[in-house]
Amino acid sequence: RETRVMSEDELKLRIVWTISCLIAASARHYLVEDLVRNLKTIDNLVVSDESDQGKLHMNREMLEEMR
């Protein structure tokens, strides 16, 4: 099996991409948390990003736990 070694630039790009994803996930978490606490009547929630790469599904139990 062949092992591929990343260049320094590729590694830096992956690190920046990972940090960017974590920041975006954190922002979505706080947005969803605020939304869920303020909208007591929702039974389920689906949130996706613009490119549809990430999707969050929450059912009634998950929403209640977050509230």
Protein backbone atom coordinates (compact mmCIF):
# COMPACT_ATOMS: atom_id res chain seq x y z
CA ARG A 1 0.00 0.00 0.00
CA GLU A 2 1.37 3.38 -1.03
CA THR A 3 1.65 6.14 1.55
CA ARG A 4 1.23 9.73 0.40
CA VAL A 5 3.11 12.46 2.23
CA MET A 6 1.53 15.91 2.27
CA SER A 7 3.57 18.94 1.45
CA GLU A 8 3.92 21.69 4.03
CA ASP A 9 1.51 23.90 2.07
CA GLU A 10 -1.10 21.12 1.86
CA LEU A 11 -0.82 20.54 5.60
CA LYS A 12 -1.23 24.27 6.32
CA LEU A 13 -4.27 24.40 4.05
CA ARG A 14 -5.85 21.42 5.83
CA ILE A 15 -5.21 22.99 9.24
CA VAL A 16 -6.77 26.31 8.16
CA TRP A 17 -9.74 24.43 6.64
CA THR A 18 -10.22 22.40 9.84
CA ILE A 19 -10.11 25.49 12.05
CA SER A 20 -12.55 27.26 9.72
CA CYS A 21 -14.95 24.31 9.93
CA LEU A 22 -14.76 24.27 13.73
CA ILE A 23 -15.47 28.01 13.93
CA ALA A 24 -18.45 27.62 11.58
CA ALA A 25 -19.77 24.66 13.60
CA SER A 26 -19.48 26.66 16.81
CA ALA A 27 -21.36 29.59 15.28
CA ARG A 28 -24.11 27.25 14.04
CA HIS A 29 -24.37 25.68 17.48
CA TYR A 30 -25.01 29.02 19.19
CA LEU A 31 -27.44 30.08 16.47
CA VAL A 32 -29.40 26.82 16.74
CA GLU A 33 -29.32 26.92 20.53
CA ASP A 34 -30.84 30.42 20.56
CA LEU A 35 -33.41 29.44 17.94
CA VAL A 36 -34.47 26.28 19.79
CA ARG A 37 -34.86 28.09 23.11
CA ASN A 38 -37.01 30.82 21.56
CA LEU A 39 -39.23 28.62 19.37
CA LYS A 40 -40.96 26.24 21.75
CA THR A 41 -43.40 24.89 19.15
CA ILE A 42 -40.95 23.22 16.74
CA ASP A 43 -40.87 19.41 16.79
CA ASN A 44 -37.87 18.83 14.53
CA LEU A 45 -35.14 20.88 12.96
CA VAL A 46 -32.91 20.42 9.91
CA VAL A 47 -30.08 22.88 9.27
CA SER A 48 -27.60 22.66 6.40
CA ASP A 49 -24.83 24.86 5.11
CA GLU A 50 -24.92 26.66 1.79
CA SER A 51 -22.99 23.94 -0.03
CA ASP A 52 -24.97 21.16 1.69
CA GLN A 53 -21.77 19.57 3.03
CA GLY A 54 -22.94 19.55 6.61
CA LYS A 55 -26.42 18.85 7.91
CA LEU A 56 -27.86 18.89 11.42
CA HIS A 57 -31.01 16.91 12.17
CA MET A 58 -32.70 17.28 15.56
CA ASN A 59 -35.79 15.37 16.63
CA ARG A 60 -38.17 16.29 19.47
CA GLU A 61 -36.06 14.60 22.16
CA MET A 62 -32.90 16.38 21.05
CA LEU A 63 -34.69 19.72 20.96
CA GLU A 64 -36.06 19.21 24.47
CA GLU A 65 -32.60 18.28 25.73
CA MET A 66 -31.16 21.49 24.27
CA ARG A 67 -33.91 23.62 25.80
